[in-house]
Every structure is written in C-alpha cells, then in structure tokens.
Amino acid sequence: MMDLTKKILLATVALFLSTAIGQELPEATDITAIDIDAFIDALPDDRISDRAIRVVDVGGYNVGVFGVFRPQSQPGRPIRHQTSITEIYFIVSGTGTLVTGGTIVEEESTGDSRLTGRPNFAGTGIRDGVSRQVVPGDVIVIPGNTPHWFSSLDTDIRYLIFRPDPESLLQLR
C-alpha cells in the first residue's frame, strides 16, 4: 500500500503532465545568415543603427535578435540601460575595443529607452571597467544594468545583439 506522500507525488506528476501535454510550445524561429547580412546591409551607415530583426515570445518571455551597424567615426558614449535585459553581442565583422562593467564617469540620464521604456544613462567614460579587443566571432554577455561602451573602433563594426527579455518589454516583431 502506498503512503500518502507517494499518492500526492503521483497525483502532482499526473496533473503536471496533463497540463503540459495540453499546452502548445512556441515554434522555432529561423533567421538565416543571408537574412542577417541583408538586414544589416540595409541599415543607415551614417549613424549607429540598432534595430530588431525579430522579437518572439518563447513561452513566458520574449527574445529579441537585433542587427547593429556602428560606423568607425561614431563609437558612441558609455551607456547603461536600467533593465533586467541581458545583451549578448555576436561580432559579425569589424574590430574595436569594448569596455564593460565599472562605473560611468559623469553619468546623466538620456531619457527612456525607445526599446524598453526604461531609463538609459550615459557619460564621458567608464572607470574600473574591463576592456577587450573584439573581432569577428567573439561573443560578449553584458548583464542588464551594466555599463558598456565601444571606446574605439578600428573599422566599421557589424554585430548581432540577442536580448532575452524576462519582463516582455520588447515589442514582438
């Protein structure tokens, strides 16, 4: 004879399985290398462009795939996004120096992010950050709310940003 604990455990597992079987899983999303190249090639080349290729609901949260073009002449300012969204950079082409962590020097608000509606902050530099040279194929994981900055670019740079969004702030696309 089963004891009460075993009966409760079996009932819980049966309930979980019946619920899970009835739920539809989100479909996989494909973005081909050809699509990525065409998307980034179509971005304006006279300014920093960071635009969504796709943002999908993966069952409980969103994931965004963004294409970025950054001209050599515009490395940008140090920035910090006040959000829980992690940014995962995959360098497609170009090289430069990326600084992460530390604190932003002379930090000031730049208003709310057009992507998340949450505050952004920028400054004149990063103190006590980690600096690294990035090249094609590199992957850099930048947790939400972490200062980051391309302090210099050797060439124009093209990269993807993967943004897992646990708060579903990114608009589906």
N, C-alpha and C. Protein backbone atom coordinates (compact mmCIF):
# COMPACT_ATOMS: atom_id res chain seq x y z
N MET A 1 0.85 -1.18 0.00
CA MET A 1 0.00 0.00 0.00
C MET A 1 0.90 1.24 0.00
N MET A 2 0.52 2.22 -0.85
CA MET A 2 1.31 3.46 -0.94
C MET A 2 0.96 4.39 0.22
N ASP A 3 1.96 5.07 0.69
CA ASP A 3 1.68 6.05 1.73
C ASP A 3 1.16 7.34 1.09
N LEU A 4 0.69 8.22 1.89
CA LEU A 4 0.06 9.46 1.43
C LEU A 4 1.01 10.31 0.61
N THR A 5 2.29 10.37 0.99
CA THR A 5 3.27 11.18 0.26
C THR A 5 3.41 10.71 -1.17
N LYS A 6 3.50 9.38 -1.36
CA LYS A 6 3.63 8.83 -2.71
C LYS A 6 2.39 9.13 -3.54
N LYS A 7 1.21 9.03 -2.93
CA LYS A 7 -0.04 9.31 -3.64
C LYS A 7 -0.09 10.78 -4.09
N ILE A 8 0.32 11.68 -3.21
CA ILE A 8 0.32 13.11 -3.55
C ILE A 8 1.32 13.38 -4.66
N LEU A 9 2.50 12.77 -4.56
CA LEU A 9 3.53 12.95 -5.59
C LEU A 9 3.03 12.46 -6.95
N LEU A 10 2.44 11.27 -6.99
CA LEU A 10 1.92 10.74 -8.26
C LEU A 10 0.80 11.61 -8.81
N ALA A 11 -0.07 12.09 -7.96
CA ALA A 11 -1.16 12.97 -8.41
C ALA A 11 -0.61 14.28 -8.97
N THR A 12 0.42 14.83 -8.32
CA THR A 12 1.04 16.07 -8.79
C THR A 12 1.69 15.87 -10.15
N VAL A 13 2.44 14.77 -10.30
CA VAL A 13 3.08 14.47 -11.59
C VAL A 13 2.03 14.28 -12.67
N ALA A 14 0.97 13.55 -12.38
CA ALA A 14 -0.09 13.33 -13.36
C ALA A 14 -0.75 14.65 -13.76
N LEU A 15 -1.00 15.52 -12.80
CA LEU A 15 -1.59 16.83 -13.10
C LEU A 15 -0.66 17.65 -13.97
N PHE A 16 0.65 17.68 -13.62
CA PHE A 16 1.63 18.42 -14.40
C PHE A 16 1.69 17.90 -15.83
N LEU A 17 1.75 16.58 -15.99
CA LEU A 17 1.84 16.01 -17.34
C LEU A 17 0.60 16.30 -18.16
N SER A 18 -0.57 16.23 -17.54
CA SER A 18 -1.79 16.51 -18.30
C SER A 18 -1.85 17.98 -18.71
N THR A 19 -1.35 18.88 -17.87
CA THR A 19 -1.30 20.30 -18.21
C THR A 19 -0.28 20.55 -19.31
N ALA A 20 0.90 19.97 -19.18
CA ALA A 20 1.97 20.18 -20.16
C ALA A 20 1.60 19.63 -21.52
N ILE A 21 0.91 18.49 -21.55
CA ILE A 21 0.53 17.90 -22.83
C ILE A 21 -0.46 18.79 -23.55
N GLY A 22 -1.34 19.47 -22.80
CA GLY A 22 -2.35 20.32 -23.41
C GLY A 22 -1.82 21.66 -23.92
N GLN A 23 -0.61 22.05 -23.53
CA GLN A 23 -0.07 23.35 -23.93
C GLN A 23 0.71 23.23 -25.23
N GLU A 24 0.55 24.22 -26.07
CA GLU A 24 1.34 24.26 -27.29
C GLU A 24 2.65 24.97 -27.03
N LEU A 25 3.72 24.39 -27.51
CA LEU A 25 5.03 25.01 -27.38
C LEU A 25 5.21 26.05 -28.48
N PRO A 26 5.93 27.13 -28.20
CA PRO A 26 6.20 28.11 -29.26
C PRO A 26 7.01 27.46 -30.38
N GLU A 27 6.79 27.95 -31.59
CA GLU A 27 7.55 27.44 -32.73
C GLU A 27 8.95 28.02 -32.73
N ALA A 28 9.88 27.29 -33.33
CA ALA A 28 11.24 27.79 -33.51
C ALA A 28 11.23 28.92 -34.54
N THR A 29 12.15 29.82 -34.41
CA THR A 29 12.29 30.95 -35.34
C THR A 29 13.63 30.84 -36.03
N ASP A 30 13.61 30.90 -37.36
CA ASP A 30 14.85 30.84 -38.14
C ASP A 30 15.18 32.22 -38.69
N ILE A 31 16.43 32.60 -38.58
CA ILE A 31 16.94 33.81 -39.22
C ILE A 31 18.23 33.38 -39.91
N THR A 32 18.22 33.38 -41.23
CA THR A 32 19.38 32.86 -41.96
C THR A 32 20.50 33.89 -42.02
N ALA A 33 21.70 33.41 -42.31
CA ALA A 33 22.85 34.30 -42.48
C ALA A 33 22.59 35.29 -43.61
N ILE A 34 21.93 34.84 -44.66
CA ILE A 34 21.59 35.73 -45.78
C ILE A 34 20.66 36.84 -45.30
N ASP A 35 19.65 36.48 -44.50
CA ASP A 35 18.72 37.48 -43.95
C ASP A 35 19.45 38.48 -43.05
N ILE A 36 20.36 37.98 -42.22
CA ILE A 36 21.11 38.86 -41.31
C ILE A 36 21.96 39.84 -42.09
N ASP A 37 22.72 39.33 -43.07
CA ASP A 37 23.56 40.21 -43.89
C ASP A 37 22.73 41.26 -44.61
N ALA A 38 21.61 40.84 -45.21
CA ALA A 38 20.76 41.79 -45.93
C ALA A 38 20.19 42.84 -44.99
N PHE A 39 19.78 42.42 -43.79
CA PHE A 39 19.20 43.34 -42.82
C PHE A 39 20.23 44.39 -42.41
N ILE A 40 21.42 43.94 -42.02
CA ILE A 40 22.44 44.89 -41.56
C ILE A 40 22.92 45.77 -42.71
N ASP A 41 23.04 45.20 -43.91
CA ASP A 41 23.44 46.00 -45.08
C ASP A 41 22.45 47.12 -45.37
N ALA A 42 21.18 46.92 -45.03
CA ALA A 42 20.15 47.92 -45.30
C ALA A 42 20.06 49.00 -44.22
N LEU A 43 20.77 48.83 -43.11
CA LEU A 43 20.75 49.85 -42.05
C LEU A 43 21.48 51.11 -42.52
N PRO A 44 21.07 52.28 -42.04
CA PRO A 44 21.79 53.51 -42.38
C PRO A 44 23.25 53.39 -41.96
N ASP A 45 24.17 53.87 -42.82
CA ASP A 45 25.59 53.74 -42.49
C ASP A 45 26.22 55.04 -42.03
N ASP A 46 25.39 56.06 -41.77
CA ASP A 46 25.92 57.34 -41.32
C ASP A 46 25.70 57.58 -39.82
N ARG A 47 25.21 56.55 -39.11
CA ARG A 47 24.95 56.67 -37.68
C ARG A 47 24.88 55.27 -37.07
N ILE A 48 24.87 55.22 -35.75
CA ILE A 48 24.71 53.95 -35.06
C ILE A 48 23.27 53.49 -35.25
N SER A 49 23.10 52.29 -35.77
CA SER A 49 21.77 51.73 -36.01
C SER A 49 21.64 50.42 -35.25
N ASP A 50 20.62 50.31 -34.41
CA ASP A 50 20.35 49.13 -33.59
C ASP A 50 18.87 48.83 -33.76
N ARG A 51 18.55 47.86 -34.60
CA ARG A 51 17.14 47.60 -34.93
C ARG A 51 16.80 46.12 -34.82
N ALA A 52 15.55 45.87 -34.47
CA ALA A 52 15.08 44.49 -34.30
C ALA A 52 14.96 43.78 -35.64
N ILE A 53 15.58 42.61 -35.72
CA ILE A 53 15.32 41.72 -36.85
C ILE A 53 14.06 40.92 -36.52
N ARG A 54 14.04 40.33 -35.32
CA ARG A 54 12.87 39.61 -34.83
C ARG A 54 12.83 39.72 -33.31
N VAL A 55 11.62 39.79 -32.77
CA VAL A 55 11.39 39.64 -31.33
C VAL A 55 10.24 38.65 -31.21
N VAL A 56 10.48 37.54 -30.51
CA VAL A 56 9.48 36.48 -30.44
C VAL A 56 9.18 36.11 -29.00
N ASP A 57 7.95 35.64 -28.79
CA ASP A 57 7.52 35.11 -27.50
C ASP A 57 7.96 33.64 -27.47
N VAL A 58 8.79 33.30 -26.49
CA VAL A 58 9.28 31.92 -26.41
C VAL A 58 8.62 31.16 -25.25
N GLY A 59 7.46 31.65 -24.83
CA GLY A 59 6.73 30.97 -23.77
C GLY A 59 7.06 31.53 -22.41
N GLY A 60 6.48 32.67 -22.07
CA GLY A 60 6.71 33.27 -20.76
C GLY A 60 7.63 34.46 -20.78
N TYR A 61 8.38 34.65 -21.85
CA TYR A 61 9.23 35.83 -22.00
C TYR A 61 9.56 36.01 -23.48
N ASN A 62 10.08 37.17 -23.82
CA ASN A 62 10.43 37.47 -25.21
C ASN A 62 11.94 37.35 -25.40
N VAL A 63 12.33 37.07 -26.64
CA VAL A 63 13.74 37.10 -27.03
C VAL A 63 13.84 37.92 -28.30
N GLY A 64 14.73 38.91 -28.29
CA GLY A 64 14.94 39.75 -29.46
C GLY A 64 16.28 39.46 -30.11
N VAL A 65 16.28 39.50 -31.44
CA VAL A 65 17.51 39.41 -32.22
C VAL A 65 17.61 40.73 -32.98
N PHE A 66 18.66 41.49 -32.70
CA PHE A 66 18.83 42.83 -33.26
C PHE A 66 20.08 42.86 -34.13
N GLY A 67 20.01 43.61 -35.23
CA GLY A 67 21.18 43.86 -36.06
C GLY A 67 21.70 45.25 -35.78
N VAL A 68 23.02 45.38 -35.68
CA VAL A 68 23.62 46.68 -35.35
C VAL A 68 24.72 47.00 -36.35
N PHE A 69 24.68 48.24 -36.85
CA PHE A 69 25.80 48.79 -37.63
C PHE A 69 26.31 49.99 -36.86
N ARG A 70 27.63 50.04 -36.65
CA ARG A 70 28.25 51.14 -35.91
C ARG A 70 29.42 51.64 -36.76
N PRO A 71 29.31 52.87 -37.32
CA PRO A 71 30.41 53.39 -38.14
C PRO A 71 31.64 53.70 -37.30
N GLN A 72 32.81 53.51 -37.89
CA GLN A 72 34.07 53.74 -37.20
C GLN A 72 34.14 55.15 -36.60
N SER A 73 33.55 56.11 -37.28
CA SER A 73 33.62 57.50 -36.83
C SER A 73 32.72 57.79 -35.63
N GLN A 74 31.87 56.81 -35.22
CA GLN A 74 30.93 57.06 -34.12
C GLN A 74 30.91 55.90 -33.12
N PRO A 75 31.95 55.79 -32.32
CA PRO A 75 31.94 54.69 -31.35
C PRO A 75 30.83 54.81 -30.30
N GLY A 76 30.32 56.01 -30.09
CA GLY A 76 29.24 56.21 -29.14
C GLY A 76 29.74 56.57 -27.76
N ARG A 77 28.80 56.74 -26.83
CA ARG A 77 29.11 57.09 -25.44
C ARG A 77 28.93 55.87 -24.55
N PRO A 78 29.58 55.87 -23.39
CA PRO A 78 29.30 54.82 -22.42
C PRO A 78 27.82 54.87 -22.05
N ILE A 79 27.18 53.71 -21.94
CA ILE A 79 25.75 53.67 -21.67
C ILE A 79 25.43 52.57 -20.66
N ARG A 80 24.32 52.80 -19.96
CA ARG A 80 23.79 51.81 -19.02
C ARG A 80 22.28 51.83 -19.17
N HIS A 81 21.70 50.66 -19.43
CA HIS A 81 20.25 50.53 -19.57
C HIS A 81 19.71 50.00 -18.24
N GLN A 82 18.81 50.74 -17.61
CA GLN A 82 18.24 50.31 -16.33
C GLN A 82 17.15 49.28 -16.60
N THR A 83 17.59 48.04 -16.80
CA THR A 83 16.67 46.96 -17.14
C THR A 83 17.28 45.62 -16.76
N SER A 84 16.46 44.59 -16.73
CA SER A 84 16.96 43.24 -16.46
C SER A 84 17.33 42.50 -17.75
N ILE A 85 17.20 43.16 -18.89
CA ILE A 85 17.51 42.51 -20.17
C ILE A 85 19.03 42.41 -20.35
N THR A 86 19.51 41.19 -20.48
CA THR A 86 20.91 40.94 -20.79
C THR A 86 21.11 41.14 -22.29
N GLU A 87 22.26 41.68 -22.67
CA GLU A 87 22.60 41.82 -24.09
C GLU A 87 23.75 40.87 -24.40
N ILE A 88 23.57 40.06 -25.42
CA ILE A 88 24.59 39.11 -25.85
C ILE A 88 25.03 39.54 -27.24
N TYR A 89 26.26 40.03 -27.34
CA TYR A 89 26.80 40.52 -28.61
C TYR A 89 27.49 39.38 -29.34
N PHE A 90 27.24 39.29 -30.64
CA PHE A 90 27.98 38.39 -31.53
C PHE A 90 28.56 39.26 -32.63
N ILE A 91 29.88 39.39 -32.67
CA ILE A 91 30.54 40.27 -33.63
C ILE A 91 30.56 39.59 -35.00
N VAL A 92 29.92 40.23 -35.99
CA VAL A 92 29.85 39.69 -37.35
C VAL A 92 31.06 40.13 -38.17
N SER A 93 31.35 41.43 -38.13
CA SER A 93 32.51 41.95 -38.86
C SER A 93 33.02 43.22 -38.18
N GLY A 94 34.29 43.51 -38.40
CA GLY A 94 34.91 44.70 -37.83
C GLY A 94 35.59 44.39 -36.51
N THR A 95 36.38 45.36 -36.05
CA THR A 95 37.11 45.20 -34.79
C THR A 95 37.06 46.51 -34.01
N GLY A 96 37.21 46.38 -32.71
CA GLY A 96 37.22 47.56 -31.86
C GLY A 96 37.49 47.17 -30.43
N THR A 97 37.44 48.16 -29.55
CA THR A 97 37.66 47.94 -28.12
C THR A 97 36.35 48.17 -27.39
N LEU A 98 35.90 47.14 -26.66
CA LEU A 98 34.66 47.20 -25.89
C LEU A 98 35.01 47.18 -24.41
N VAL A 99 34.44 48.13 -23.67
CA VAL A 99 34.64 48.22 -22.23
C VAL A 99 33.32 47.89 -21.55
N THR A 100 33.36 47.04 -20.52
CA THR A 100 32.14 46.69 -19.78
C THR A 100 32.41 46.76 -18.28
N GLY A 101 31.33 46.94 -17.52
CA GLY A 101 31.44 46.97 -16.06
C GLY A 101 31.92 48.31 -15.55
N GLY A 102 32.36 48.32 -14.31
CA GLY A 102 32.83 49.57 -13.71
C GLY A 102 31.68 50.54 -13.48
N THR A 103 32.02 51.83 -13.48
CA THR A 103 31.01 52.87 -13.31
C THR A 103 31.18 53.92 -14.40
N ILE A 104 30.08 54.51 -14.78
CA ILE A 104 30.10 55.55 -15.81
C ILE A 104 30.55 56.87 -15.18
N VAL A 105 31.51 57.51 -15.82
CA VAL A 105 32.03 58.80 -15.38
C VAL A 105 31.04 59.89 -15.82
N GLU A 106 30.72 60.80 -14.91
CA GLU A 106 29.79 61.90 -15.19
C GLU A 106 28.47 61.38 -15.77
N GLU A 107 27.93 60.36 -15.11
CA GLU A 107 26.69 59.74 -15.59
C GLU A 107 25.52 60.72 -15.53
N GLU A 108 24.71 60.70 -16.59
CA GLU A 108 23.50 61.52 -16.65
C GLU A 108 22.42 60.75 -17.39
N SER A 109 21.18 61.07 -17.09
CA SER A 109 20.06 60.43 -17.76
C SER A 109 19.99 60.88 -19.21
N THR A 110 19.69 59.95 -20.10
CA THR A 110 19.45 60.29 -21.51
C THR A 110 17.99 60.04 -21.88
N GLY A 111 17.15 59.84 -20.87
CA GLY A 111 15.74 59.59 -21.11
C GLY A 111 15.44 58.10 -21.16
N ASP A 112 14.21 57.80 -21.52
CA ASP A 112 13.78 56.41 -21.57
C ASP A 112 14.17 55.76 -22.89
N SER A 113 14.47 54.47 -22.82
CA SER A 113 14.83 53.69 -23.99
C SER A 113 13.65 53.55 -24.94
N ARG A 114 13.89 53.71 -26.23
CA ARG A 114 12.83 53.50 -27.21
C ARG A 114 12.44 52.03 -27.30
N LEU A 115 13.32 51.13 -26.86
CA LEU A 115 13.05 49.69 -26.92
C LEU A 115 12.25 49.19 -25.73
N THR A 116 12.59 49.69 -24.53
CA THR A 116 12.01 49.13 -23.30
C THR A 116 11.14 50.09 -22.51
N GLY A 117 11.29 51.39 -22.77
CA GLY A 117 10.59 52.39 -21.96
C GLY A 117 11.24 52.62 -20.61
N ARG A 118 12.36 51.98 -20.35
CA ARG A 118 13.08 52.13 -19.09
C ARG A 118 14.20 53.15 -19.25
N PRO A 119 14.67 53.74 -18.13
CA PRO A 119 15.70 54.78 -18.21
C PRO A 119 17.04 54.29 -18.76
N ASN A 120 17.67 55.16 -19.53
CA ASN A 120 19.05 54.97 -20.00
C ASN A 120 19.92 56.05 -19.38
N PHE A 121 21.19 55.73 -19.19
CA PHE A 121 22.16 56.67 -18.65
C PHE A 121 23.42 56.62 -19.49
N ALA A 122 24.09 57.76 -19.66
CA ALA A 122 25.33 57.82 -20.44
C ALA A 122 26.30 58.74 -19.71
N GLY A 123 27.55 58.75 -20.20
CA GLY A 123 28.56 59.60 -19.58
C GLY A 123 29.74 59.81 -20.50
N THR A 124 30.87 60.16 -19.91
CA THR A 124 32.06 60.51 -20.70
C THR A 124 33.10 59.40 -20.74
N GLY A 125 32.95 58.39 -19.91
CA GLY A 125 33.91 57.29 -19.88
C GLY A 125 33.45 56.25 -18.89
N ILE A 126 34.25 55.18 -18.76
CA ILE A 126 33.97 54.14 -17.76
C ILE A 126 35.21 53.99 -16.89
N ARG A 127 34.99 54.06 -15.58
CA ARG A 127 36.07 53.89 -14.60
C ARG A 127 36.03 52.45 -14.09
N ASP A 128 37.20 51.80 -14.05
CA ASP A 128 37.36 50.45 -13.49
C ASP A 128 36.58 49.38 -14.24
N GLY A 129 36.39 49.58 -15.55
CA GLY A 129 35.75 48.56 -16.37
C GLY A 129 36.76 47.57 -16.92
N VAL A 130 36.27 46.57 -17.62
CA VAL A 130 37.11 45.57 -18.28
C VAL A 130 37.12 45.90 -19.77
N SER A 131 38.32 46.08 -20.32
CA SER A 131 38.49 46.45 -21.72
C SER A 131 39.00 45.23 -22.50
N ARG A 132 38.40 45.00 -23.67
CA ARG A 132 38.86 43.91 -24.52
C ARG A 132 38.73 44.28 -25.98
N GLN A 133 39.64 43.74 -26.79
CA GLN A 133 39.57 43.88 -28.25
C GLN A 133 38.56 42.85 -28.74
N VAL A 134 37.62 43.27 -29.60
CA VAL A 134 36.64 42.32 -30.16
C VAL A 134 36.90 42.16 -31.65
N VAL A 135 36.71 40.93 -32.10
CA VAL A 135 36.93 40.56 -33.51
C VAL A 135 35.76 39.68 -33.95
N PRO A 136 35.59 39.49 -35.27
CA PRO A 136 34.51 38.64 -35.75
C PRO A 136 34.52 37.25 -35.08
N GLY A 137 33.33 36.84 -34.67
CA GLY A 137 33.17 35.56 -33.99
C GLY A 137 33.12 35.65 -32.49
N ASP A 138 33.56 36.79 -31.92
CA ASP A 138 33.53 36.95 -30.47
C ASP A 138 32.09 37.08 -29.97
N VAL A 139 31.86 36.58 -28.76
CA VAL A 139 30.58 36.71 -28.07
C VAL A 139 30.85 37.35 -26.72
N ILE A 140 30.08 38.39 -26.40
CA ILE A 140 30.23 39.10 -25.13
C ILE A 140 28.85 39.14 -24.48
N VAL A 141 28.75 38.70 -23.23
CA VAL A 141 27.49 38.70 -22.49
C VAL A 141 27.52 39.87 -21.51
N ILE A 142 26.57 40.81 -21.69
CA ILE A 142 26.52 42.02 -20.87
C ILE A 142 25.22 41.99 -20.06
N PRO A 143 25.29 41.70 -18.75
CA PRO A 143 24.08 41.66 -17.93
C PRO A 143 23.35 43.02 -17.94
N GLY A 144 22.04 42.98 -17.75
CA GLY A 144 21.26 44.21 -17.66
C GLY A 144 21.84 45.15 -16.61
N ASN A 145 21.72 46.44 -16.85
CA ASN A 145 22.16 47.50 -15.93
C ASN A 145 23.68 47.60 -15.82
N THR A 146 24.42 46.98 -16.74
CA THR A 146 25.88 47.01 -16.73
C THR A 146 26.38 48.07 -17.70
N PRO A 147 27.24 49.00 -17.28
CA PRO A 147 27.82 49.97 -18.21
C PRO A 147 28.59 49.25 -19.32
N HIS A 148 28.49 49.79 -20.53
CA HIS A 148 29.25 49.25 -21.66
C HIS A 148 29.50 50.35 -22.69
N TRP A 149 30.57 50.14 -23.51
CA TRP A 149 30.99 51.23 -24.40
C TRP A 149 32.06 50.72 -25.36
N PHE A 150 31.88 51.02 -26.63
CA PHE A 150 32.96 50.85 -27.60
C PHE A 150 33.83 52.09 -27.47
N SER A 151 34.95 51.98 -26.79
CA SER A 151 35.82 53.14 -26.57
C SER A 151 36.57 53.53 -27.83
N SER A 152 36.77 52.58 -28.73
CA SER A 152 37.37 52.90 -30.03
C SER A 152 36.99 51.81 -31.03
N LEU A 153 36.93 52.20 -32.29
CA LEU A 153 36.66 51.26 -33.37
C LEU A 153 37.79 51.34 -34.38
N ASP A 154 38.33 50.18 -34.77
CA ASP A 154 39.37 50.14 -35.79
C ASP A 154 38.77 50.23 -37.19
N THR A 155 37.52 49.78 -37.30
CA THR A 155 36.78 49.76 -38.57
C THR A 155 35.31 49.97 -38.24
N ASP A 156 34.47 50.08 -39.26
CA ASP A 156 33.04 49.95 -39.02
C ASP A 156 32.83 48.58 -38.39
N ILE A 157 31.80 48.45 -37.57
CA ILE A 157 31.55 47.16 -36.93
C ILE A 157 30.09 46.78 -37.10
N ARG A 158 29.87 45.50 -37.37
CA ARG A 158 28.53 44.93 -37.53
C ARG A 158 28.40 43.80 -36.53
N TYR A 159 27.30 43.81 -35.80
CA TYR A 159 27.12 42.74 -34.82
C TYR A 159 25.65 42.48 -34.57
N LEU A 160 25.39 41.33 -33.98
CA LEU A 160 24.05 40.97 -33.54
C LEU A 160 23.99 41.16 -32.04
N ILE A 161 22.81 41.56 -31.56
CA ILE A 161 22.55 41.56 -30.12
C ILE A 161 21.35 40.65 -29.88
N PHE A 162 21.55 39.66 -29.02
CA PHE A 162 20.46 38.81 -28.58
C PHE A 162 20.03 39.35 -27.22
N ARG A 163 18.71 39.60 -27.09
CA ARG A 163 18.20 40.21 -25.86
C ARG A 163 17.10 39.33 -25.25
N PRO A 164 17.45 38.43 -24.31
CA PRO A 164 16.42 37.72 -23.57
C PRO A 164 15.71 38.71 -22.65
N ASP A 165 14.39 38.73 -22.71
CA ASP A 165 13.61 39.77 -22.04
C ASP A 165 12.62 39.14 -21.06
N PRO A 166 13.02 38.92 -19.81
CA PRO A 166 12.14 38.25 -18.85
C PRO A 166 10.90 39.05 -18.49
N GLU A 167 10.90 40.36 -18.76
CA GLU A 167 9.74 41.20 -18.43
C GLU A 167 8.84 41.46 -19.63
N SER A 168 9.19 40.91 -20.79
CA SER A 168 8.43 41.11 -22.04
C SER A 168 8.24 42.59 -22.35
N LEU A 169 9.31 43.37 -22.21
CA LEU A 169 9.28 44.80 -22.52
C LEU A 169 9.44 45.05 -24.02
N LEU A 170 10.18 44.18 -24.71
CA LEU A 170 10.42 44.35 -26.15
C LEU A 170 9.16 44.01 -26.92
N GLN A 171 8.84 44.84 -27.90
CA GLN A 171 7.66 44.61 -28.73
C GLN A 171 7.90 43.46 -29.70
N LEU A 172 6.92 42.56 -29.80
CA LEU A 172 7.04 41.43 -30.72
C LEU A 172 7.15 41.95 -32.15
N ARG A 173 7.96 41.25 -32.94
CA ARG A 173 8.17 41.65 -34.33
C ARG A 173 8.41 40.42 -35.17
